[in-house]
N, C-alpha and C. Protein backbone atom coordinates (compact mmCIF):
# COMPACT_ATOMS: atom_id res chain seq x y z
N MET A 1 -26.26 19.50 -17.91
CA MET A 1 -25.94 18.15 -18.38
C MET A 1 -27.01 17.18 -17.89
N LYS A 2 -27.54 16.37 -18.81
CA LYS A 2 -28.54 15.38 -18.46
C LYS A 2 -27.87 14.16 -17.84
N ILE A 3 -28.42 13.68 -16.71
CA ILE A 3 -27.85 12.58 -15.96
C ILE A 3 -28.87 11.44 -15.89
N ALA A 4 -28.39 10.20 -15.88
CA ALA A 4 -29.28 9.04 -15.86
C ALA A 4 -30.15 9.03 -14.61
N GLY A 5 -29.59 9.39 -13.47
CA GLY A 5 -30.37 9.55 -12.26
C GLY A 5 -31.08 8.30 -11.78
N GLY A 6 -30.41 7.14 -11.90
CA GLY A 6 -30.99 5.90 -11.39
C GLY A 6 -31.67 5.04 -12.43
N LEU A 7 -31.55 5.38 -13.71
CA LEU A 7 -32.11 4.54 -14.76
C LEU A 7 -31.48 3.15 -14.73
N THR A 8 -32.27 2.15 -15.09
CA THR A 8 -31.76 0.79 -15.22
C THR A 8 -32.06 0.27 -16.61
N GLU A 9 -31.24 -0.64 -17.08
CA GLU A 9 -31.44 -1.29 -18.38
C GLU A 9 -30.99 -2.74 -18.25
N ASP A 10 -31.86 -3.64 -18.61
CA ASP A 10 -31.60 -5.07 -18.44
C ASP A 10 -31.24 -5.39 -16.99
N GLY A 11 -31.88 -4.68 -16.07
CA GLY A 11 -31.65 -4.91 -14.65
C GLY A 11 -30.35 -4.33 -14.11
N ILE A 12 -29.66 -3.52 -14.91
CA ILE A 12 -28.36 -2.96 -14.52
C ILE A 12 -28.50 -1.44 -14.38
N VAL A 13 -27.98 -0.89 -13.30
CA VAL A 13 -27.97 0.56 -13.11
C VAL A 13 -27.02 1.16 -14.13
N VAL A 14 -27.47 2.19 -14.86
CA VAL A 14 -26.65 2.80 -15.91
C VAL A 14 -26.36 4.25 -15.57
N GLY A 15 -25.24 4.75 -16.11
CA GLY A 15 -24.89 6.15 -15.92
C GLY A 15 -24.67 6.52 -14.47
N ASN A 16 -24.89 7.77 -14.16
CA ASN A 16 -24.67 8.31 -12.82
C ASN A 16 -25.99 8.53 -12.09
N ALA A 17 -26.00 8.23 -10.80
CA ALA A 17 -27.20 8.41 -10.01
C ALA A 17 -27.51 9.89 -9.79
N TYR A 18 -26.47 10.73 -9.77
CA TYR A 18 -26.66 12.17 -9.62
C TYR A 18 -25.49 12.86 -10.31
N ASP A 19 -25.60 14.16 -10.50
CA ASP A 19 -24.58 14.91 -11.24
C ASP A 19 -23.41 15.25 -10.32
N LYS A 20 -22.51 14.31 -10.19
CA LYS A 20 -21.36 14.52 -9.32
C LYS A 20 -20.38 15.55 -9.90
N TYR A 21 -20.45 15.77 -11.21
CA TYR A 21 -19.53 16.71 -11.85
C TYR A 21 -19.89 18.16 -11.53
N GLN A 22 -21.18 18.42 -11.29
CA GLN A 22 -21.63 19.78 -11.01
C GLN A 22 -22.07 19.96 -9.55
N SER A 23 -21.74 18.99 -8.70
CA SER A 23 -22.20 19.04 -7.31
C SER A 23 -21.66 20.27 -6.58
N ARG A 24 -22.51 20.83 -5.70
CA ARG A 24 -22.07 21.94 -4.85
C ARG A 24 -21.60 21.46 -3.48
N ASN A 25 -21.75 20.16 -3.23
CA ASN A 25 -21.28 19.60 -1.97
C ASN A 25 -19.75 19.69 -1.92
N PRO A 26 -19.18 20.34 -0.91
CA PRO A 26 -17.72 20.53 -0.90
C PRO A 26 -16.93 19.23 -0.83
N VAL A 27 -17.48 18.21 -0.17
CA VAL A 27 -16.78 16.92 -0.10
C VAL A 27 -16.77 16.25 -1.46
N VAL A 28 -17.94 16.24 -2.12
CA VAL A 28 -18.02 15.64 -3.46
C VAL A 28 -17.12 16.39 -4.43
N ARG A 29 -17.12 17.71 -4.35
CA ARG A 29 -16.28 18.51 -5.24
C ARG A 29 -14.80 18.19 -5.05
N ARG A 30 -14.39 18.02 -3.81
CA ARG A 30 -12.98 17.72 -3.56
C ARG A 30 -12.62 16.33 -4.07
N ILE A 31 -13.51 15.37 -3.87
CA ILE A 31 -13.27 14.02 -4.36
C ILE A 31 -13.17 14.00 -5.88
N MET A 32 -14.09 14.70 -6.54
CA MET A 32 -14.08 14.72 -8.00
C MET A 32 -12.89 15.49 -8.55
N GLN A 33 -12.44 16.49 -7.84
CA GLN A 33 -11.23 17.20 -8.26
C GLN A 33 -10.01 16.28 -8.24
N GLY A 34 -9.97 15.39 -7.23
CA GLY A 34 -8.87 14.43 -7.17
C GLY A 34 -8.92 13.45 -8.32
N PHE A 35 -10.13 12.97 -8.64
CA PHE A 35 -10.29 12.04 -9.75
C PHE A 35 -9.89 12.72 -11.06
N GLU A 36 -10.41 13.93 -11.28
CA GLU A 36 -10.11 14.62 -12.54
C GLU A 36 -8.62 14.94 -12.66
N SER A 37 -7.99 15.30 -11.55
CA SER A 37 -6.56 15.60 -11.59
C SER A 37 -5.75 14.38 -12.00
N ALA A 38 -6.10 13.23 -11.42
CA ALA A 38 -5.38 11.99 -11.76
C ALA A 38 -5.60 11.61 -13.21
N LEU A 39 -6.87 11.65 -13.65
CA LEU A 39 -7.18 11.26 -15.03
C LEU A 39 -6.55 12.22 -16.03
N SER A 40 -6.67 13.51 -15.80
CA SER A 40 -6.11 14.49 -16.72
C SER A 40 -4.59 14.41 -16.75
N GLY A 41 -3.99 14.10 -15.61
CA GLY A 41 -2.54 13.96 -15.57
C GLY A 41 -2.05 12.80 -16.42
N PHE A 42 -2.76 11.68 -16.34
CA PHE A 42 -2.39 10.52 -17.16
C PHE A 42 -2.60 10.81 -18.65
N VAL A 43 -3.71 11.47 -18.99
CA VAL A 43 -3.97 11.80 -20.40
C VAL A 43 -2.88 12.71 -20.94
N ALA A 44 -2.52 13.72 -20.18
CA ALA A 44 -1.46 14.64 -20.61
C ALA A 44 -0.13 13.92 -20.75
N GLN A 45 0.11 12.95 -19.88
CA GLN A 45 1.38 12.23 -19.91
C GLN A 45 1.57 11.45 -21.20
N VAL A 46 0.49 10.86 -21.73
CA VAL A 46 0.63 10.04 -22.94
C VAL A 46 0.33 10.82 -24.22
N ASN A 47 -0.26 12.04 -24.08
CA ASN A 47 -0.52 12.91 -25.22
C ASN A 47 -1.14 12.13 -26.39
N PRO A 48 -2.34 11.59 -26.21
CA PRO A 48 -2.90 10.69 -27.21
C PRO A 48 -3.35 11.40 -28.49
N ALA A 49 -3.23 10.67 -29.60
CA ALA A 49 -3.76 11.18 -30.87
C ALA A 49 -5.26 11.00 -30.95
N SER A 50 -5.80 10.02 -30.21
CA SER A 50 -7.24 9.77 -30.17
C SER A 50 -7.58 9.04 -28.88
N ILE A 51 -8.83 9.21 -28.43
CA ILE A 51 -9.31 8.56 -27.21
C ILE A 51 -10.64 7.89 -27.49
N HIS A 52 -10.79 6.68 -26.99
CA HIS A 52 -12.09 6.00 -26.99
C HIS A 52 -12.41 5.66 -25.55
N GLU A 53 -13.50 6.24 -25.02
CA GLU A 53 -13.92 5.93 -23.66
C GLU A 53 -14.95 4.80 -23.69
N VAL A 54 -14.60 3.71 -23.08
CA VAL A 54 -15.46 2.53 -23.01
C VAL A 54 -16.26 2.60 -21.71
N GLY A 55 -17.59 2.61 -21.82
CA GLY A 55 -18.43 2.84 -20.66
C GLY A 55 -18.50 4.33 -20.37
N CYS A 56 -18.87 5.11 -21.39
CA CYS A 56 -18.77 6.57 -21.32
C CYS A 56 -19.91 7.23 -20.56
N GLY A 57 -20.97 6.45 -20.21
CA GLY A 57 -22.09 7.06 -19.51
C GLY A 57 -22.68 8.21 -20.28
N GLU A 58 -22.91 9.32 -19.59
CA GLU A 58 -23.57 10.48 -20.22
C GLU A 58 -22.63 11.35 -21.04
N GLY A 59 -21.37 10.92 -21.20
CA GLY A 59 -20.48 11.58 -22.14
C GLY A 59 -19.70 12.77 -21.62
N TYR A 60 -19.60 12.91 -20.30
CA TYR A 60 -18.91 14.08 -19.73
C TYR A 60 -17.47 14.19 -20.20
N TRP A 61 -16.72 13.10 -20.09
CA TRP A 61 -15.29 13.18 -20.41
C TRP A 61 -15.04 13.30 -21.90
N VAL A 62 -15.82 12.61 -22.72
CA VAL A 62 -15.65 12.72 -24.17
C VAL A 62 -15.83 14.17 -24.60
N ALA A 63 -16.87 14.83 -24.10
CA ALA A 63 -17.10 16.23 -24.44
C ALA A 63 -15.93 17.10 -23.96
N LYS A 64 -15.44 16.81 -22.78
CA LYS A 64 -14.33 17.60 -22.23
C LYS A 64 -13.08 17.47 -23.09
N TRP A 65 -12.76 16.24 -23.51
CA TRP A 65 -11.59 16.03 -24.35
C TRP A 65 -11.77 16.68 -25.72
N GLN A 66 -12.96 16.59 -26.26
CA GLN A 66 -13.23 17.26 -27.53
C GLN A 66 -13.00 18.76 -27.41
N GLN A 67 -13.43 19.35 -26.32
CA GLN A 67 -13.24 20.78 -26.10
C GLN A 67 -11.76 21.14 -25.96
N GLN A 68 -10.95 20.16 -25.54
CA GLN A 68 -9.51 20.36 -25.42
C GLN A 68 -8.77 20.11 -26.73
N GLY A 69 -9.53 19.73 -27.77
CA GLY A 69 -8.94 19.51 -29.08
C GLY A 69 -8.43 18.10 -29.31
N ILE A 70 -8.81 17.15 -28.44
CA ILE A 70 -8.40 15.76 -28.60
C ILE A 70 -9.54 14.98 -29.25
N PRO A 71 -9.33 14.37 -30.41
CA PRO A 71 -10.39 13.56 -31.02
C PRO A 71 -10.80 12.43 -30.07
N ALA A 72 -12.05 12.44 -29.64
CA ALA A 72 -12.52 11.47 -28.65
C ALA A 72 -13.91 11.00 -29.02
N ARG A 73 -14.20 9.77 -28.64
CA ARG A 73 -15.54 9.22 -28.82
C ARG A 73 -15.80 8.27 -27.66
N GLY A 74 -17.04 7.80 -27.56
CA GLY A 74 -17.38 6.93 -26.44
C GLY A 74 -18.43 5.92 -26.81
N CYS A 75 -18.49 4.85 -26.03
CA CYS A 75 -19.52 3.84 -26.22
C CYS A 75 -20.00 3.36 -24.85
N ASP A 76 -21.19 2.80 -24.83
CA ASP A 76 -21.78 2.24 -23.63
C ASP A 76 -22.80 1.20 -24.06
N PHE A 77 -23.04 0.20 -23.23
CA PHE A 77 -23.99 -0.85 -23.60
C PHE A 77 -25.43 -0.34 -23.58
N SER A 78 -25.69 0.73 -22.87
CA SER A 78 -27.05 1.21 -22.61
C SER A 78 -27.54 2.18 -23.68
N GLU A 79 -28.62 1.85 -24.33
CA GLU A 79 -29.22 2.75 -25.30
C GLU A 79 -29.71 4.03 -24.63
N GLN A 80 -30.25 3.89 -23.41
CA GLN A 80 -30.76 5.06 -22.70
C GLN A 80 -29.65 6.06 -22.36
N VAL A 81 -28.54 5.55 -21.88
CA VAL A 81 -27.48 6.46 -21.47
C VAL A 81 -26.76 7.06 -22.68
N ILE A 82 -26.68 6.33 -23.78
CA ILE A 82 -26.09 6.88 -24.99
C ILE A 82 -27.00 7.98 -25.56
N ALA A 83 -28.31 7.81 -25.46
CA ALA A 83 -29.22 8.87 -25.88
C ALA A 83 -28.97 10.15 -25.07
N LEU A 84 -28.69 9.99 -23.78
CA LEU A 84 -28.37 11.15 -22.94
C LEU A 84 -27.04 11.76 -23.37
N ALA A 85 -26.04 10.92 -23.65
CA ALA A 85 -24.73 11.42 -24.08
C ALA A 85 -24.86 12.19 -25.39
N GLN A 86 -25.67 11.68 -26.31
CA GLN A 86 -25.87 12.37 -27.58
C GLN A 86 -26.56 13.71 -27.39
N ALA A 87 -27.56 13.74 -26.50
CA ALA A 87 -28.25 15.00 -26.21
C ALA A 87 -27.30 16.00 -25.56
N ASN A 88 -26.46 15.53 -24.65
CA ASN A 88 -25.49 16.42 -24.00
C ASN A 88 -24.49 16.97 -25.01
N ALA A 89 -24.06 16.12 -25.95
CA ALA A 89 -23.12 16.57 -26.98
C ALA A 89 -23.75 17.64 -27.86
N GLN A 90 -24.98 17.40 -28.29
CA GLN A 90 -25.66 18.35 -29.15
C GLN A 90 -25.89 19.69 -28.44
N ALA A 91 -26.13 19.63 -27.12
CA ALA A 91 -26.31 20.86 -26.35
C ALA A 91 -25.04 21.70 -26.31
N LYS A 92 -23.90 21.06 -26.53
CA LYS A 92 -22.61 21.75 -26.57
C LYS A 92 -22.15 22.05 -27.99
N GLY A 93 -23.04 21.79 -28.97
CA GLY A 93 -22.70 22.06 -30.36
C GLY A 93 -21.86 20.99 -31.01
N MET A 94 -21.84 19.79 -30.42
CA MET A 94 -21.07 18.68 -30.96
C MET A 94 -22.00 17.68 -31.63
N THR A 95 -21.43 16.84 -32.49
CA THR A 95 -22.23 15.84 -33.18
C THR A 95 -22.56 14.67 -32.27
N LYS A 96 -23.77 14.13 -32.42
CA LYS A 96 -24.14 12.97 -31.61
C LYS A 96 -23.43 11.71 -32.08
N ASP A 97 -22.77 11.78 -33.24
CA ASP A 97 -22.06 10.62 -33.78
C ASP A 97 -20.81 10.27 -32.97
N LEU A 98 -20.49 11.08 -31.97
CA LEU A 98 -19.35 10.77 -31.10
C LEU A 98 -19.63 9.55 -30.24
N PHE A 99 -20.91 9.14 -30.14
CA PHE A 99 -21.30 8.09 -29.20
C PHE A 99 -22.02 6.95 -29.91
N SER A 100 -21.76 5.73 -29.45
CA SER A 100 -22.40 4.55 -30.03
C SER A 100 -22.77 3.56 -28.94
N VAL A 101 -23.78 2.76 -29.23
CA VAL A 101 -24.23 1.72 -28.30
C VAL A 101 -23.41 0.47 -28.56
N ARG A 102 -22.59 0.10 -27.58
CA ARG A 102 -21.77 -1.10 -27.73
C ARG A 102 -21.28 -1.56 -26.36
N SER A 103 -21.42 -2.84 -26.09
CA SER A 103 -20.90 -3.43 -24.87
C SER A 103 -19.38 -3.55 -24.96
N ILE A 104 -18.74 -3.53 -23.81
CA ILE A 104 -17.29 -3.72 -23.78
C ILE A 104 -16.90 -5.06 -24.38
N TYR A 105 -17.75 -6.06 -24.24
CA TYR A 105 -17.45 -7.39 -24.77
C TYR A 105 -17.54 -7.43 -26.30
N GLU A 106 -18.17 -6.41 -26.90
CA GLU A 106 -18.41 -6.40 -28.34
C GLU A 106 -17.45 -5.50 -29.11
N LEU A 107 -16.47 -4.92 -28.45
CA LEU A 107 -15.53 -4.04 -29.13
C LEU A 107 -14.77 -4.80 -30.21
N ARG A 108 -14.51 -4.10 -31.33
CA ARG A 108 -13.82 -4.72 -32.46
C ARG A 108 -12.58 -3.90 -32.79
N PRO A 109 -11.43 -4.56 -32.97
CA PRO A 109 -10.19 -3.82 -33.25
C PRO A 109 -10.31 -2.89 -34.45
N GLY A 110 -10.97 -3.33 -35.51
CA GLY A 110 -11.04 -2.49 -36.70
C GLY A 110 -11.86 -1.23 -36.52
N ASP A 111 -12.88 -1.30 -35.69
CA ASP A 111 -13.81 -0.18 -35.54
C ASP A 111 -13.56 0.65 -34.28
N ASP A 112 -13.05 0.03 -33.24
CA ASP A 112 -13.04 0.67 -31.92
C ASP A 112 -11.65 0.97 -31.38
N ALA A 113 -10.62 0.71 -32.16
CA ALA A 113 -9.26 0.98 -31.69
C ALA A 113 -9.05 2.48 -31.54
N ALA A 114 -8.20 2.84 -30.60
CA ALA A 114 -7.80 4.24 -30.40
C ALA A 114 -6.42 4.24 -29.76
N ASP A 115 -5.74 5.36 -29.90
CA ASP A 115 -4.42 5.50 -29.31
C ASP A 115 -4.48 5.27 -27.80
N LEU A 116 -5.52 5.83 -27.18
CA LEU A 116 -5.74 5.67 -25.74
C LEU A 116 -7.16 5.18 -25.50
N LEU A 117 -7.30 4.09 -24.78
CA LEU A 117 -8.60 3.65 -24.28
C LEU A 117 -8.74 4.10 -22.84
N VAL A 118 -9.92 4.57 -22.48
CA VAL A 118 -10.22 4.94 -21.10
C VAL A 118 -11.41 4.10 -20.65
N CYS A 119 -11.25 3.41 -19.53
CA CYS A 119 -12.30 2.53 -19.02
C CYS A 119 -12.38 2.73 -17.50
N CYS A 120 -13.08 3.77 -17.09
CA CYS A 120 -13.14 4.14 -15.68
C CYS A 120 -14.50 3.80 -15.09
N GLU A 121 -14.49 3.22 -13.90
CA GLU A 121 -15.72 2.88 -13.18
C GLU A 121 -16.63 1.96 -14.00
N VAL A 122 -16.00 0.95 -14.60
CA VAL A 122 -16.73 0.00 -15.44
C VAL A 122 -16.55 -1.43 -14.95
N LEU A 123 -15.32 -1.83 -14.71
CA LEU A 123 -15.02 -3.25 -14.44
C LEU A 123 -15.73 -3.77 -13.20
N GLU A 124 -16.00 -2.91 -12.23
CA GLU A 124 -16.67 -3.37 -11.01
C GLU A 124 -18.12 -3.78 -11.27
N HIS A 125 -18.66 -3.40 -12.42
CA HIS A 125 -20.04 -3.74 -12.77
C HIS A 125 -20.16 -5.03 -13.58
N LEU A 126 -19.04 -5.61 -13.99
CA LEU A 126 -19.07 -6.69 -14.97
C LEU A 126 -19.03 -8.07 -14.32
N GLU A 127 -19.80 -9.00 -14.90
CA GLU A 127 -19.77 -10.38 -14.43
C GLU A 127 -18.47 -11.07 -14.79
N ASP A 128 -17.85 -10.67 -15.91
CA ASP A 128 -16.62 -11.33 -16.37
C ASP A 128 -15.58 -10.27 -16.74
N PRO A 129 -14.97 -9.62 -15.74
CA PRO A 129 -14.00 -8.56 -16.04
C PRO A 129 -12.78 -9.05 -16.79
N GLU A 130 -12.39 -10.30 -16.60
CA GLU A 130 -11.21 -10.79 -17.32
C GLU A 130 -11.49 -10.93 -18.81
N ALA A 131 -12.71 -11.34 -19.18
CA ALA A 131 -13.06 -11.37 -20.60
C ALA A 131 -13.03 -9.97 -21.19
N ALA A 132 -13.50 -8.99 -20.41
CA ALA A 132 -13.48 -7.60 -20.87
C ALA A 132 -12.04 -7.11 -21.05
N LEU A 133 -11.14 -7.48 -20.15
CA LEU A 133 -9.74 -7.06 -20.27
C LEU A 133 -9.09 -7.69 -21.50
N ALA A 134 -9.46 -8.91 -21.82
CA ALA A 134 -8.93 -9.55 -23.02
C ALA A 134 -9.37 -8.79 -24.27
N VAL A 135 -10.61 -8.29 -24.27
CA VAL A 135 -11.10 -7.50 -25.40
C VAL A 135 -10.33 -6.17 -25.47
N LEU A 136 -10.17 -5.49 -24.34
CA LEU A 136 -9.42 -4.23 -24.32
C LEU A 136 -7.99 -4.45 -24.81
N GLN A 137 -7.40 -5.56 -24.45
CA GLN A 137 -6.05 -5.90 -24.88
C GLN A 137 -5.96 -6.00 -26.40
N ALA A 138 -7.03 -6.50 -27.03
CA ALA A 138 -7.04 -6.66 -28.48
C ALA A 138 -7.29 -5.34 -29.21
N VAL A 139 -7.94 -4.38 -28.53
CA VAL A 139 -8.36 -3.14 -29.18
C VAL A 139 -7.40 -1.98 -28.93
N VAL A 140 -6.69 -1.99 -27.81
CA VAL A 140 -5.89 -0.84 -27.40
C VAL A 140 -4.81 -0.50 -28.43
N GLY A 141 -4.57 0.81 -28.58
CA GLY A 141 -3.48 1.27 -29.43
C GLY A 141 -2.18 1.26 -28.65
N ARG A 142 -1.91 2.36 -27.94
CA ARG A 142 -0.70 2.41 -27.11
C ARG A 142 -1.01 2.24 -25.63
N HIS A 143 -2.03 2.96 -25.14
CA HIS A 143 -2.24 3.04 -23.70
C HIS A 143 -3.70 2.81 -23.30
N LEU A 144 -3.86 2.42 -22.04
CA LEU A 144 -5.16 2.25 -21.40
C LEU A 144 -5.12 2.93 -20.05
N ILE A 145 -6.19 3.66 -19.71
CA ILE A 145 -6.40 4.16 -18.35
C ILE A 145 -7.62 3.45 -17.82
N VAL A 146 -7.48 2.85 -16.64
CA VAL A 146 -8.58 2.09 -16.05
C VAL A 146 -8.66 2.42 -14.57
N SER A 147 -9.89 2.51 -14.05
CA SER A 147 -10.04 2.78 -12.62
C SER A 147 -11.21 1.99 -12.07
N VAL A 148 -11.12 1.69 -10.77
CA VAL A 148 -12.20 1.02 -10.03
C VAL A 148 -12.22 1.59 -8.61
N PRO A 149 -13.34 1.42 -7.89
CA PRO A 149 -13.36 1.80 -6.47
C PRO A 149 -12.33 1.00 -5.68
N ARG A 150 -11.68 1.67 -4.74
CA ARG A 150 -10.69 0.99 -3.91
C ARG A 150 -11.39 0.40 -2.68
N GLU A 151 -11.33 -0.90 -2.58
CA GLU A 151 -11.99 -1.59 -1.46
C GLU A 151 -10.96 -2.05 -0.42
N PRO A 152 -11.37 -2.13 0.83
CA PRO A 152 -12.74 -1.90 1.36
C PRO A 152 -13.06 -0.44 1.64
N LEU A 153 -12.17 0.47 1.25
CA LEU A 153 -12.37 1.89 1.58
C LEU A 153 -13.69 2.42 1.03
N TRP A 154 -14.03 2.04 -0.19
CA TRP A 154 -15.26 2.53 -0.82
C TRP A 154 -16.49 2.21 0.04
N CYS A 155 -16.61 0.94 0.43
CA CYS A 155 -17.77 0.52 1.23
C CYS A 155 -17.76 1.18 2.61
N LEU A 156 -16.58 1.31 3.18
CA LEU A 156 -16.49 1.95 4.51
C LEU A 156 -16.92 3.40 4.45
N LEU A 157 -16.56 4.10 3.39
CA LEU A 157 -16.97 5.49 3.25
C LEU A 157 -18.48 5.61 3.04
N ASN A 158 -19.06 4.66 2.29
CA ASN A 158 -20.51 4.66 2.15
C ASN A 158 -21.20 4.46 3.50
N LEU A 159 -20.68 3.52 4.28
CA LEU A 159 -21.26 3.29 5.61
C LEU A 159 -21.11 4.53 6.50
N ALA A 160 -19.97 5.20 6.39
CA ALA A 160 -19.72 6.38 7.22
C ALA A 160 -20.72 7.50 6.93
N ARG A 161 -21.22 7.54 5.68
CA ARG A 161 -22.21 8.57 5.35
C ARG A 161 -23.63 8.03 5.39
N GLY A 162 -23.78 6.83 5.96
CA GLY A 162 -25.10 6.28 6.18
C GLY A 162 -25.78 5.73 4.94
N LYS A 163 -25.01 5.33 3.92
CA LYS A 163 -25.56 4.83 2.67
C LYS A 163 -25.39 3.31 2.56
N TYR A 164 -26.41 2.66 2.01
CA TYR A 164 -26.38 1.23 1.68
C TYR A 164 -26.01 0.36 2.90
N ILE A 165 -26.63 0.69 4.02
CA ILE A 165 -26.33 -0.03 5.26
C ILE A 165 -26.65 -1.51 5.12
N GLY A 166 -27.81 -1.80 4.53
CA GLY A 166 -28.20 -3.20 4.38
C GLY A 166 -27.30 -3.99 3.47
N GLN A 167 -26.56 -3.30 2.62
CA GLN A 167 -25.62 -3.95 1.69
C GLN A 167 -24.18 -3.82 2.18
N LEU A 168 -24.01 -3.47 3.45
CA LEU A 168 -22.68 -3.28 4.06
C LEU A 168 -21.86 -2.25 3.30
N GLY A 169 -22.55 -1.23 2.78
CA GLY A 169 -21.84 -0.14 2.11
C GLY A 169 -21.60 -0.35 0.63
N ASN A 170 -22.02 -1.47 0.09
CA ASN A 170 -21.77 -1.74 -1.33
C ASN A 170 -22.73 -0.96 -2.21
N THR A 171 -22.20 -0.22 -3.15
CA THR A 171 -23.02 0.55 -4.08
C THR A 171 -23.80 -0.40 -4.98
N PRO A 172 -25.09 -0.14 -5.22
CA PRO A 172 -25.86 -0.99 -6.13
C PRO A 172 -25.19 -1.11 -7.50
N GLY A 173 -25.09 -2.34 -7.98
CA GLY A 173 -24.46 -2.57 -9.28
C GLY A 173 -23.00 -2.96 -9.21
N HIS A 174 -22.36 -2.78 -8.05
CA HIS A 174 -20.96 -3.18 -7.92
C HIS A 174 -20.91 -4.66 -7.53
N ILE A 175 -20.45 -5.49 -8.46
CA ILE A 175 -20.40 -6.92 -8.19
C ILE A 175 -18.97 -7.46 -8.12
N GLN A 176 -17.99 -6.60 -8.40
CA GLN A 176 -16.58 -6.96 -8.27
C GLN A 176 -15.94 -5.98 -7.30
N HIS A 177 -14.96 -6.48 -6.52
CA HIS A 177 -14.32 -5.64 -5.50
C HIS A 177 -12.83 -5.95 -5.47
N TRP A 178 -12.01 -4.87 -5.56
CA TRP A 178 -10.56 -5.06 -5.55
C TRP A 178 -9.89 -4.09 -4.58
N SER A 179 -8.91 -4.59 -3.88
CA SER A 179 -7.98 -3.71 -3.17
C SER A 179 -7.04 -3.11 -4.22
N LYS A 180 -6.26 -2.13 -3.81
CA LYS A 180 -5.29 -1.53 -4.73
C LYS A 180 -4.32 -2.58 -5.26
N ARG A 181 -3.77 -3.40 -4.38
CA ARG A 181 -2.81 -4.41 -4.79
C ARG A 181 -3.46 -5.47 -5.67
N GLY A 182 -4.68 -5.88 -5.30
CA GLY A 182 -5.37 -6.89 -6.08
C GLY A 182 -5.68 -6.41 -7.49
N PHE A 183 -6.03 -5.13 -7.61
CA PHE A 183 -6.35 -4.60 -8.94
C PHE A 183 -5.10 -4.49 -9.80
N ILE A 184 -4.00 -4.04 -9.21
CA ILE A 184 -2.74 -3.96 -9.96
C ILE A 184 -2.34 -5.35 -10.44
N ASP A 185 -2.47 -6.36 -9.58
CA ASP A 185 -2.11 -7.73 -9.96
C ASP A 185 -2.97 -8.22 -11.12
N LEU A 186 -4.27 -7.93 -11.08
CA LEU A 186 -5.16 -8.34 -12.17
C LEU A 186 -4.78 -7.68 -13.48
N ILE A 187 -4.65 -6.37 -13.48
CA ILE A 187 -4.36 -5.64 -14.72
C ILE A 187 -3.00 -6.02 -15.28
N SER A 188 -2.05 -6.32 -14.40
CA SER A 188 -0.69 -6.68 -14.84
C SER A 188 -0.65 -7.96 -15.65
N ARG A 189 -1.67 -8.78 -15.57
CA ARG A 189 -1.71 -10.00 -16.37
C ARG A 189 -2.05 -9.70 -17.83
N TYR A 190 -2.56 -8.50 -18.08
CA TYR A 190 -2.99 -8.15 -19.44
C TYR A 190 -2.23 -6.96 -20.03
N PHE A 191 -1.70 -6.09 -19.16
CA PHE A 191 -1.02 -4.87 -19.60
C PHE A 191 0.20 -4.62 -18.72
N ASP A 192 1.11 -3.81 -19.23
CA ASP A 192 2.20 -3.31 -18.39
C ASP A 192 1.70 -2.06 -17.67
N VAL A 193 1.70 -2.08 -16.36
CA VAL A 193 1.26 -0.93 -15.56
C VAL A 193 2.42 0.05 -15.44
N VAL A 194 2.24 1.26 -15.96
CA VAL A 194 3.33 2.25 -15.97
C VAL A 194 3.05 3.43 -15.05
N GLY A 195 1.83 3.50 -14.50
CA GLY A 195 1.51 4.58 -13.58
C GLY A 195 0.39 4.18 -12.64
N VAL A 196 0.49 4.56 -11.38
CA VAL A 196 -0.53 4.23 -10.38
C VAL A 196 -0.93 5.52 -9.66
N ALA A 197 -2.23 5.79 -9.61
CA ALA A 197 -2.74 6.93 -8.86
C ALA A 197 -3.81 6.43 -7.90
N SER A 198 -3.97 7.15 -6.80
CA SER A 198 -4.95 6.74 -5.78
C SER A 198 -5.83 7.91 -5.37
N PRO A 199 -6.56 8.51 -6.33
CA PRO A 199 -7.48 9.57 -5.92
C PRO A 199 -8.58 8.98 -5.06
N LEU A 200 -8.75 9.52 -3.87
CA LEU A 200 -9.71 8.97 -2.92
C LEU A 200 -11.12 9.00 -3.52
N PRO A 201 -11.85 7.87 -3.54
CA PRO A 201 -11.49 6.52 -3.07
C PRO A 201 -11.37 5.51 -4.22
N TRP A 202 -10.53 5.81 -5.21
CA TRP A 202 -10.35 4.93 -6.37
C TRP A 202 -8.91 4.45 -6.48
N THR A 203 -8.73 3.42 -7.29
CA THR A 203 -7.41 3.05 -7.81
C THR A 203 -7.46 3.31 -9.31
N MET A 204 -6.51 4.07 -9.81
CA MET A 204 -6.45 4.40 -11.24
C MET A 204 -5.08 4.03 -11.78
N LEU A 205 -5.08 3.31 -12.90
CA LEU A 205 -3.83 2.83 -13.48
C LEU A 205 -3.65 3.32 -14.91
N LEU A 206 -2.44 3.72 -15.23
CA LEU A 206 -2.04 4.00 -16.60
C LEU A 206 -1.27 2.78 -17.08
N CYS A 207 -1.73 2.22 -18.19
CA CYS A 207 -1.16 0.96 -18.68
C CYS A 207 -0.71 1.10 -20.12
N ARG A 208 0.23 0.25 -20.49
CA ARG A 208 0.71 0.17 -21.86
C ARG A 208 0.53 -1.25 -22.35
N ARG A 209 0.21 -1.41 -23.61
CA ARG A 209 0.04 -2.77 -24.13
C ARG A 209 1.36 -3.52 -23.99
N LYS A 210 1.26 -4.80 -23.67
CA LYS A 210 2.46 -5.61 -23.49
C LYS A 210 3.22 -5.76 -24.81
N ALA A 211 4.53 -5.76 -24.70
CA ALA A 211 5.37 -5.89 -25.89
C ALA A 211 5.16 -7.28 -26.50
């Protein structure tokens, strides 16, 4: 799988810095197993007819859902990372049309709606996350899955492994920070939160559009 590996676009870090999905590091593997278990559990719970991943990066999850027989597609603001996602899809025998270049702020109900929207590890990068949530609210079909790093745990874990010391443990590109409670409170203003998971070190929520 091709990974962005530190690429930037418009001054923003895009995609993944390294291939955390295929890592041989036992700590990374255990952390990613927790994330995948939480995400897959929520997807299975809602049994979606279709999935649109907003901020899909290199397309790992879209390809995985397609292989499971779930119609899925993805978008990202970065032309570079979408090119990688398309190449990864083609390497698996899938069409590159599963992926499109589009910012979260540019989503349109007619074109981008899906039964389930997935927006993981995106909101912490945005200057205006509330504007993005308003857009997701307009596009969502039945459910939304959203996740962000759980703070201050995320920064503390970075410091513990000797990373980003000068930034007090903050990962480059993370400009928003939420505790578990703070994130639930934010999302609850736009969606009904029906499930909460805490795979270390994230907060992940399963949400339903408000009645």
